[in-house]
N, C-alpha and C. Protein backbone atom coordinates (compact mmCIF):
# COMPACT_ATOMS: atom_id res chain seq x y z
N MET A 1 96.39 -0.30 60.44
CA MET A 1 96.92 0.70 59.17
C MET A 1 96.80 -0.62 57.90
N LYS A 2 97.63 -2.00 58.03
CA LYS A 2 97.35 -2.48 56.87
C LYS A 2 96.00 -2.88 56.44
N PHE A 3 95.29 -3.11 57.40
CA PHE A 3 93.93 -3.63 57.32
C PHE A 3 93.08 -2.32 56.31
N SER A 4 93.29 -1.25 56.86
CA SER A 4 92.54 -0.31 56.25
C SER A 4 93.12 -0.07 54.75
N LYS A 5 94.36 -0.46 54.65
CA LYS A 5 94.76 -0.45 53.57
C LYS A 5 94.29 -1.59 52.35
N PHE A 6 94.23 -2.49 52.76
CA PHE A 6 94.26 -3.49 52.19
C PHE A 6 92.24 -3.50 52.03
N ASN A 7 91.51 -2.88 52.73
CA ASN A 7 89.80 -2.56 52.47
C ASN A 7 89.74 -1.81 51.35
N GLU A 8 90.51 -0.49 51.40
CA GLU A 8 90.60 0.26 50.61
C GLU A 8 90.73 -0.30 48.83
N VAL A 9 91.94 -1.28 48.88
CA VAL A 9 92.23 -1.89 47.70
C VAL A 9 90.99 -3.01 47.31
N PHE A 10 90.82 -3.60 48.51
CA PHE A 10 89.28 -4.56 48.15
C PHE A 10 88.26 -3.82 47.91
N THR A 11 88.21 -2.74 48.08
CA THR A 11 87.04 -1.55 47.83
C THR A 11 87.31 -1.49 46.24
N LEU A 12 88.19 -0.97 45.94
CA LEU A 12 88.59 -0.15 44.87
C LEU A 12 88.34 -1.71 43.39
N LEU A 13 88.88 -2.66 43.87
CA LEU A 13 88.82 -3.60 42.79
C LEU A 13 87.37 -4.20 42.86
N ALA A 14 86.49 -4.18 43.70
CA ALA A 14 85.31 -4.65 43.63
C ALA A 14 84.42 -3.61 43.03
N ASN A 15 85.04 -2.67 42.97
CA ASN A 15 84.02 -1.08 42.27
C ASN A 15 84.49 -1.14 40.58
N VAL A 16 85.81 -1.69 40.25
CA VAL A 16 86.20 -1.76 38.91
C VAL A 16 85.53 -3.05 38.41
N THR A 17 85.15 -4.32 39.17
CA THR A 17 84.63 -5.16 38.65
C THR A 17 83.45 -4.97 38.55
N ILE A 18 82.68 -4.23 39.11
CA ILE A 18 81.28 -3.74 39.03
C ILE A 18 80.99 -2.89 37.69
N VAL A 19 82.04 -2.41 37.53
CA VAL A 19 81.47 -1.23 36.05
C VAL A 19 82.04 -2.11 35.06
N VAL A 20 82.96 -2.75 35.25
CA VAL A 20 83.32 -4.14 33.88
C VAL A 20 82.33 -4.58 33.82
N GLY A 21 81.94 -5.60 34.88
CA GLY A 21 80.13 -6.12 34.68
C GLY A 21 79.15 -5.20 34.05
N ILE A 22 79.21 -3.91 34.40
CA ILE A 22 77.80 -3.57 34.01
C ILE A 22 78.05 -3.00 32.25
N PHE A 23 79.37 -3.21 31.67
CA PHE A 23 79.79 -3.02 30.43
C PHE A 23 79.54 -4.32 29.56
N LEU A 24 79.74 -5.10 30.24
CA LEU A 24 79.40 -6.72 29.97
C LEU A 24 78.10 -6.90 29.94
N VAL A 25 77.50 -6.91 30.53
CA VAL A 25 76.10 -6.78 30.61
C VAL A 25 75.40 -6.00 29.55
N ALA A 26 75.79 -4.57 29.44
CA ALA A 26 75.25 -4.25 28.33
C ALA A 26 75.77 -4.17 27.03
N TYR A 27 76.80 -4.78 26.69
CA TYR A 27 77.22 -5.75 25.68
C TYR A 27 76.45 -6.96 25.54
N GLU A 28 76.17 -7.68 26.35
CA GLU A 28 75.49 -8.90 25.90
C GLU A 28 73.80 -8.51 25.82
N LEU A 29 73.42 -7.42 25.99
CA LEU A 29 71.72 -6.94 25.69
C LEU A 29 72.14 -6.48 24.34
N ARG A 30 73.11 -5.63 23.96
CA ARG A 30 73.25 -5.18 22.46
C ARG A 30 72.88 -6.60 21.45
N GLN A 31 74.08 -7.61 21.69
CA GLN A 31 74.05 -8.91 21.10
C GLN A 31 72.81 -9.57 21.01
N ASN A 32 72.31 -9.73 22.13
CA ASN A 32 70.71 -10.27 22.30
C ASN A 32 69.79 -9.65 21.43
N SER A 33 69.88 -8.08 21.43
CA SER A 33 68.90 -7.26 20.93
C SER A 33 69.02 -7.85 19.35
N ALA A 34 70.30 -7.21 18.68
CA ALA A 34 70.61 -7.88 17.44
C ALA A 34 70.18 -9.35 16.92
N LEU A 35 70.29 -10.45 18.02
CA LEU A 35 69.96 -11.65 17.58
C LEU A 35 68.41 -11.81 17.58
N ALA A 36 67.74 -11.02 18.51
CA ALA A 36 65.91 -11.15 18.46
C ALA A 36 65.41 -10.56 17.20
N LYS A 37 66.14 -9.74 16.64
CA LYS A 37 65.88 -8.84 15.27
C LYS A 37 66.48 -9.64 14.27
N ALA A 38 67.47 -10.39 14.24
CA ALA A 38 67.72 -11.38 13.11
C ALA A 38 66.62 -12.45 13.11
N GLY A 39 66.23 -12.64 14.44
CA GLY A 39 65.22 -14.18 14.63
C GLY A 39 63.94 -13.13 13.93
N ILE A 40 63.63 -12.34 14.62
CA ILE A 40 62.41 -11.73 13.59
C ILE A 40 62.29 -11.80 12.20
N ARG A 41 63.45 -11.09 11.69
CA ARG A 41 63.24 -11.31 10.27
C ARG A 41 63.37 -12.40 9.61
N GLN A 42 64.39 -13.85 10.11
CA GLN A 42 63.90 -14.78 9.46
C GLN A 42 62.54 -15.59 9.42
N GLU A 43 61.83 -15.07 10.81
CA GLU A 43 60.51 -15.34 10.88
C GLU A 43 59.47 -14.97 10.02
N ILE A 44 59.77 -13.52 9.79
CA ILE A 44 59.19 -13.14 8.66
C ILE A 44 59.33 -13.48 7.30
N SER A 45 60.47 -14.34 6.74
CA SER A 45 60.95 -14.68 5.50
C SER A 45 60.00 -16.03 5.77
N ASN A 46 60.08 -16.62 6.69
CA ASN A 46 59.46 -18.17 6.95
C ASN A 46 57.69 -17.90 6.63
N ASN A 47 57.43 -17.30 7.65
CA ASN A 47 55.85 -17.20 7.69
C ASN A 47 55.08 -16.13 6.82
N GLY A 48 55.74 -14.82 6.46
CA GLY A 48 55.11 -13.78 5.67
C GLY A 48 55.27 -14.32 4.26
N TYR A 49 56.17 -15.51 4.02
CA TYR A 49 56.05 -15.48 2.25
C TYR A 49 55.59 -16.96 2.04
N ALA A 50 55.20 -17.42 2.98
CA ALA A 50 54.84 -18.99 3.05
C ALA A 50 53.73 -19.16 2.03
N PRO A 51 52.64 -17.89 2.39
CA PRO A 51 51.53 -17.97 1.38
C PRO A 51 51.79 -17.70 0.01
N LEU A 52 52.85 -17.13 -0.20
CA LEU A 52 53.38 -16.65 -1.75
C LEU A 52 53.53 -17.99 -2.29
N PHE A 53 54.29 -18.52 -1.47
CA PHE A 53 55.19 -20.01 -2.05
C PHE A 53 53.87 -21.19 -2.32
N ALA A 54 53.18 -21.16 -1.44
CA ALA A 54 51.88 -22.00 -1.50
C ALA A 54 51.35 -21.48 -2.93
N ILE A 55 50.85 -20.45 -3.18
CA ILE A 55 50.33 -19.74 -4.77
C ILE A 55 50.89 -20.06 -5.81
N ALA A 56 52.30 -19.68 -5.48
CA ALA A 56 53.58 -20.16 -6.46
C ALA A 56 53.55 -21.90 -6.92
N THR A 57 53.46 -22.64 -5.63
CA THR A 57 53.97 -23.76 -6.57
C THR A 57 52.30 -24.63 -6.25
N ASP A 58 51.39 -24.52 -6.18
CA ASP A 58 49.83 -25.07 -6.00
C ASP A 58 49.10 -24.62 -7.24
N PRO A 59 48.85 -25.51 -7.92
CA PRO A 59 48.34 -24.92 -9.34
C PRO A 59 46.72 -24.76 -9.02
N GLN A 60 46.54 -25.71 -7.81
CA GLN A 60 45.00 -25.47 -7.48
C GLN A 60 44.51 -24.21 -6.71
N LEU A 61 45.42 -23.81 -5.95
CA LEU A 61 45.53 -22.61 -5.51
C LEU A 61 45.52 -21.38 -6.36
N ALA A 62 46.47 -21.56 -6.90
CA ALA A 62 46.73 -20.67 -8.13
C ALA A 62 45.39 -20.01 -8.99
N THR A 63 44.77 -21.97 -9.76
CA THR A 63 43.32 -21.32 -10.03
C THR A 63 42.37 -20.79 -9.12
N ILE A 64 42.60 -20.99 -8.00
CA ILE A 64 41.06 -20.22 -7.04
C ILE A 64 41.47 -19.10 -7.10
N ILE A 65 42.74 -18.26 -6.94
CA ILE A 65 42.66 -17.14 -7.20
C ILE A 65 42.61 -16.43 -8.61
N GLN A 66 42.85 -17.11 -9.55
CA GLN A 66 42.35 -16.67 -10.80
C GLN A 66 41.08 -16.84 -10.99
N LYS A 67 40.13 -17.83 -10.61
CA LYS A 67 38.44 -17.42 -10.63
C LYS A 67 38.24 -16.48 -9.66
N ALA A 68 38.74 -16.26 -8.22
CA ALA A 68 38.23 -15.12 -7.41
C ALA A 68 38.63 -14.10 -8.22
N ASN A 69 39.46 -13.71 -8.88
CA ASN A 69 39.83 -12.18 -9.80
C ASN A 69 38.73 -11.95 -11.12
N GLY A 70 38.18 -12.86 -11.12
CA GLY A 70 36.96 -12.69 -12.37
C GLY A 70 37.36 -13.85 -13.47
N ALA A 71 38.07 -14.70 -13.14
CA ALA A 71 37.98 -15.82 -14.29
C ALA A 71 36.79 -17.00 -14.02
N GLY A 72 35.97 -16.94 -13.17
CA GLY A 72 34.95 -17.98 -13.12
C GLY A 72 34.56 -18.11 -11.89
N ASN A 73 33.93 -18.77 -11.31
CA ASN A 73 33.09 -18.81 -10.04
C ASN A 73 33.79 -19.92 -9.16
N LEU A 74 33.61 -19.35 -7.86
CA LEU A 74 34.37 -20.41 -7.51
C LEU A 74 33.39 -21.66 -6.44
N THR A 75 33.72 -22.33 -5.96
CA THR A 75 32.93 -23.37 -5.30
C THR A 75 32.93 -22.91 -3.39
N ASP A 76 31.95 -23.61 -3.02
CA ASP A 76 32.01 -23.08 -1.68
C ASP A 76 33.24 -23.40 -1.03
N SER A 77 33.73 -24.91 -1.52
CA SER A 77 34.83 -25.28 -0.73
C SER A 77 36.25 -24.29 -1.32
N GLU A 78 36.01 -24.06 -2.75
CA GLU A 78 37.16 -22.75 -3.12
C GLU A 78 37.27 -21.22 -2.22
N THR A 79 35.90 -21.26 -1.87
CA THR A 79 35.66 -19.92 -1.17
C THR A 79 36.54 -20.18 -0.04
N GLU A 80 35.92 -21.36 0.93
CA GLU A 80 36.61 -20.98 2.31
C GLU A 80 38.04 -21.47 2.16
N ARG A 81 38.61 -22.02 1.34
CA ARG A 81 40.07 -22.25 1.06
C ARG A 81 40.92 -21.11 1.08
N LEU A 82 40.13 -20.28 0.09
CA LEU A 82 40.82 -18.95 -0.25
C LEU A 82 40.67 -17.91 1.37
N ARG A 83 39.41 -17.90 1.90
CA ARG A 83 39.29 -17.24 2.98
C ARG A 83 40.55 -17.53 3.89
N ALA A 84 40.48 -19.03 4.12
CA ALA A 84 41.84 -19.48 5.09
C ALA A 84 43.17 -18.93 4.92
N LEU A 85 43.62 -19.36 3.31
CA LEU A 85 44.92 -18.27 2.90
C LEU A 85 44.94 -17.19 3.59
N LEU A 86 43.85 -16.45 3.19
CA LEU A 86 43.85 -14.66 3.48
C LEU A 86 43.88 -14.24 4.69
N SER A 87 43.58 -15.43 5.43
CA SER A 87 43.22 -14.94 6.94
C SER A 87 44.78 -15.40 7.77
N VAL A 88 45.57 -16.54 7.21
CA VAL A 88 46.77 -16.31 7.57
C VAL A 88 47.20 -15.56 7.18
N VAL A 89 47.18 -14.74 5.96
CA VAL A 89 48.44 -13.73 5.30
C VAL A 89 48.22 -12.60 6.28
N ASN A 90 46.67 -12.25 6.60
CA ASN A 90 46.44 -11.21 7.30
C ASN A 90 47.04 -11.11 8.79
N ALA A 91 46.76 -12.13 9.10
CA ALA A 91 47.16 -12.40 10.67
C ALA A 91 48.53 -12.41 10.62
N THR A 92 49.37 -12.54 9.79
CA THR A 92 50.83 -12.75 9.68
C THR A 92 51.32 -11.02 9.73
N ASN A 93 50.25 -10.66 8.52
CA ASN A 93 50.85 -9.12 8.37
C ASN A 93 50.58 -8.17 9.50
N ASP A 94 49.56 -8.31 10.38
CA ASP A 94 48.97 -7.93 11.24
C ASP A 94 50.10 -8.09 12.35
N ASN A 95 50.69 -8.98 12.68
CA ASN A 95 51.80 -9.19 13.49
C ASN A 95 52.90 -8.64 13.15
N ILE A 96 53.50 -8.98 11.95
CA ILE A 96 54.76 -8.05 11.06
C ILE A 96 54.48 -6.53 11.86
N TYR A 97 53.21 -6.03 11.27
CA TYR A 97 52.74 -4.52 11.23
C TYR A 97 53.29 -4.47 13.09
N HIS A 98 52.76 -4.79 13.82
CA HIS A 98 53.19 -4.53 15.00
C HIS A 98 54.48 -4.87 15.76
N GLN A 99 55.16 -5.64 15.50
CA GLN A 99 56.67 -6.07 15.54
C GLN A 99 56.92 -4.50 15.17
N TYR A 100 57.01 -3.83 13.49
CA TYR A 100 57.46 -2.94 13.24
C TYR A 100 57.27 -1.50 14.32
N LEU A 101 56.16 -1.40 14.65
CA LEU A 101 55.58 -0.41 15.76
C LEU A 101 56.36 -0.34 16.66
N ALA A 102 56.78 -1.64 17.48
CA ALA A 102 57.30 -1.74 18.48
C ALA A 102 58.70 -1.69 18.39
N GLY A 103 59.15 -1.77 17.10
CA GLY A 103 60.84 -0.98 17.11
C GLY A 103 61.60 -2.42 16.59
N PHE A 104 60.94 -3.68 16.32
CA PHE A 104 61.43 -4.91 16.25
C PHE A 104 61.66 -5.35 14.58
N VAL A 105 61.24 -4.96 13.70
CA VAL A 105 61.71 -4.57 12.36
C VAL A 105 61.99 -3.36 11.65
N ASP A 106 63.10 -3.38 11.33
CA ASP A 106 63.59 -2.00 10.70
C ASP A 106 63.16 -1.53 9.68
N GLU A 107 63.15 -0.11 9.26
CA GLU A 107 62.33 0.64 8.56
C GLU A 107 62.27 0.00 7.01
N GLU A 108 63.62 -0.27 6.51
CA GLU A 108 63.83 -0.83 5.32
C GLU A 108 62.96 -2.01 5.13
N GLN A 109 63.21 -3.14 6.10
CA GLN A 109 62.30 -4.19 5.90
C GLN A 109 61.03 -3.84 5.91
N TRP A 110 60.19 -3.40 6.71
CA TRP A 110 58.86 -2.98 6.93
C TRP A 110 58.47 -2.49 5.37
N LEU A 111 59.11 -1.48 4.84
CA LEU A 111 59.03 -0.96 3.78
C LEU A 111 58.79 -1.75 2.56
N GLY A 112 59.55 -2.84 2.34
CA GLY A 112 59.68 -3.73 1.16
C GLY A 112 58.50 -4.60 1.54
N PHE A 113 58.31 -5.11 3.27
CA PHE A 113 56.86 -5.63 3.27
C PHE A 113 55.68 -4.81 2.86
N ARG A 114 55.80 -3.77 3.28
CA ARG A 114 54.50 -2.64 2.81
C ARG A 114 54.24 -2.73 1.46
N LYS A 115 55.28 -2.48 0.57
CA LYS A 115 55.04 -2.57 -0.88
C LYS A 115 54.18 -4.31 -1.24
N ASN A 116 54.76 -5.24 -0.88
CA ASN A 116 54.17 -6.57 -0.98
C ASN A 116 52.66 -6.25 -0.40
N MET A 117 52.09 -5.59 0.17
CA MET A 117 51.22 -5.61 1.21
C MET A 117 49.88 -4.68 0.07
N GLU A 118 50.80 -3.67 -0.53
CA GLU A 118 50.00 -2.62 -1.33
C GLU A 118 49.90 -3.67 -2.67
N SER A 119 50.58 -4.13 -3.36
CA SER A 119 50.48 -5.03 -4.34
C SER A 119 49.53 -5.92 -4.32
N ALA A 120 49.12 -6.56 -3.17
CA ALA A 120 48.47 -7.89 -2.78
C ALA A 120 46.62 -6.89 -2.59
N ARG A 121 46.73 -5.95 -1.76
CA ARG A 121 45.64 -4.64 -2.05
C ARG A 121 44.94 -4.64 -3.19
N LYS A 122 45.41 -4.41 -4.02
CA LYS A 122 45.19 -4.11 -5.10
C LYS A 122 44.12 -4.96 -6.23
N SER A 123 44.46 -6.25 -5.68
CA SER A 123 43.75 -7.16 -6.18
C SER A 123 42.45 -7.41 -5.96
N LYS A 124 41.18 -7.60 -6.79
CA LYS A 124 39.65 -8.04 -6.13
C LYS A 124 39.72 -9.09 -5.02
N VAL A 125 40.66 -10.01 -5.25
CA VAL A 125 40.72 -11.18 -3.79
C VAL A 125 40.94 -10.50 -2.64
N SER A 126 41.69 -9.85 -2.68
CA SER A 126 42.40 -9.41 -1.15
C SER A 126 41.09 -8.35 -0.63
N ARG A 127 40.38 -7.55 -1.33
CA ARG A 127 39.68 -6.97 -1.14
C ARG A 127 38.10 -7.31 -0.61
N GLN A 128 37.91 -8.58 -1.49
CA GLN A 128 36.55 -9.04 -1.38
C GLN A 128 36.47 -9.74 -0.47
N TYR A 129 37.41 -10.65 -0.18
CA TYR A 129 37.63 -12.26 0.86
C TYR A 129 38.24 -12.00 2.04
N VAL A 130 38.27 -10.92 2.40
CA VAL A 130 39.02 -10.50 3.65
C VAL A 130 37.92 -9.49 5.11
N ASN A 131 37.89 -10.11 6.13
CA ASN A 131 37.04 -9.67 6.92
C ASN A 131 38.10 -8.80 7.72
N LEU A 132 38.12 -7.86 7.88
CA LEU A 132 39.23 -6.88 8.74
C LEU A 132 39.12 -6.60 10.31
N GLU A 133 37.91 -6.82 10.16
CA GLU A 133 37.41 -6.94 11.63
C GLU A 133 38.14 -7.85 12.53
N SER A 134 38.42 -8.89 11.85
CA SER A 134 39.33 -9.85 12.97
C SER A 134 40.72 -9.84 13.49
N TYR A 135 41.07 -8.38 12.93
CA TYR A 135 42.47 -8.00 13.11
C TYR A 135 42.69 -6.50 13.82
N SER A 136 43.62 -6.40 14.29
CA SER A 136 44.05 -5.25 15.34
C SER A 136 43.29 -3.86 14.74
N LYS A 137 42.81 -2.97 15.43
CA LYS A 137 42.37 -1.54 15.04
C LYS A 137 43.43 -1.06 14.24
N SER A 138 44.89 -0.57 14.69
CA SER A 138 45.77 -0.21 13.88
C SER A 138 46.32 -1.03 12.80
N TYR A 139 46.22 -2.21 12.75
CA TYR A 139 45.86 -2.72 11.03
C TYR A 139 45.00 -2.28 10.51
N GLN A 140 43.62 -2.31 11.05
CA GLN A 140 42.81 -2.38 10.20
C GLN A 140 42.89 -0.84 9.64
N GLU A 141 43.52 0.23 10.30
CA GLU A 141 43.81 1.76 10.15
C GLU A 141 44.74 1.91 8.74
N LEU A 142 45.90 0.55 8.89
CA LEU A 142 46.60 0.57 8.06
C LEU A 142 46.48 0.11 6.19
N ILE A 143 45.23 -0.77 7.06
CA ILE A 143 44.54 -1.49 5.25
C ILE A 143 43.82 -0.38 4.75
N GLN A 144 43.25 -0.04 5.64
CA GLN A 144 42.51 1.31 4.93
C GLN A 144 43.16 2.66 4.30
N LYS A 145 44.29 3.01 4.51
CA LYS A 145 45.29 3.67 4.29
C LYS A 145 45.74 3.20 2.89
N ILE A 146 46.26 1.94 2.91
CA ILE A 146 46.73 1.07 1.77
C ILE A 146 45.24 1.48 0.76
N ASP A 147 44.26 0.78 1.24
CA ASP A 147 43.21 0.62 0.14
C ASP A 147 43.00 2.13 -0.42
N SER A 148 43.30 3.52 0.33
CA SER A 148 42.79 4.44 -0.40
C SER A 148 43.77 4.77 -1.22
N GLU A 149 44.95 4.37 -0.89
CA GLU A 149 46.35 4.97 -1.85
C GLU A 149 46.29 4.12 -2.89
N THR A 150 45.83 3.02 -3.12
CA THR A 150 46.02 2.20 -4.35
C THR A 150 44.25 1.77 -4.92
N LYS A 151 43.44 2.48 -4.65
CA LYS A 151 42.11 2.29 -4.79
C LYS A 151 42.36 2.64 -6.24
N ASN A 152 42.72 3.09 -7.47
CA ASN A 152 42.40 3.15 -8.77
C ASN A 152 43.45 2.38 -9.41
N GLN A 153 44.51 1.62 -8.64
CA GLN A 153 45.80 0.96 -9.43
C GLN A 153 45.09 -0.58 -9.47
N SER A 154 45.83 -0.61 -10.71
CA SER A 154 45.99 -2.11 -11.15
C SER A 154 47.40 -2.87 -10.87
N PRO A 155 46.79 -4.41 -10.35
CA PRO A 155 48.05 -5.41 -9.49
C PRO A 155 49.10 -5.34 -10.73
N SER A 156 50.00 -5.45 -9.91
CA SER A 156 51.63 -5.42 -10.51
C SER A 156 52.31 -6.60 -10.10
N LEU A 157 53.27 -7.12 -10.71
CA LEU A 157 53.64 -8.34 -10.63
C LEU A 157 55.00 -8.07 -9.45
């Protein structure tokens, strides 16, 4: 009889331990999800805005962009440098867009980032020197939508 009682108590304790363990795992998953989203947000800050920082701090790059927007003619070297910069920008944007679609980037952050994309797509540079075929189909569709929305708008600061 004592063994049966001991077995019941032991089974009850084991079941309670399992339930507590499940709650702890759920809590850890929630914490890990929050950390992952924070990491993605930091990565967007680091990678997403690096080209803008380069433009702001590199006088040669700023001059190349001015020329590309109609203030002069680009040399072959300048054209390649500009295409490389825009390739980095669009690859980053494509990745961020897919992270947004997967739910890793929240709506508020995405809308802010999309505004930057809209502003960039208003410029001649972004439209003339980018080959969108190198990026995902959904990103191409997003850019086409942005282009149709911003077709007659001038660039803003």
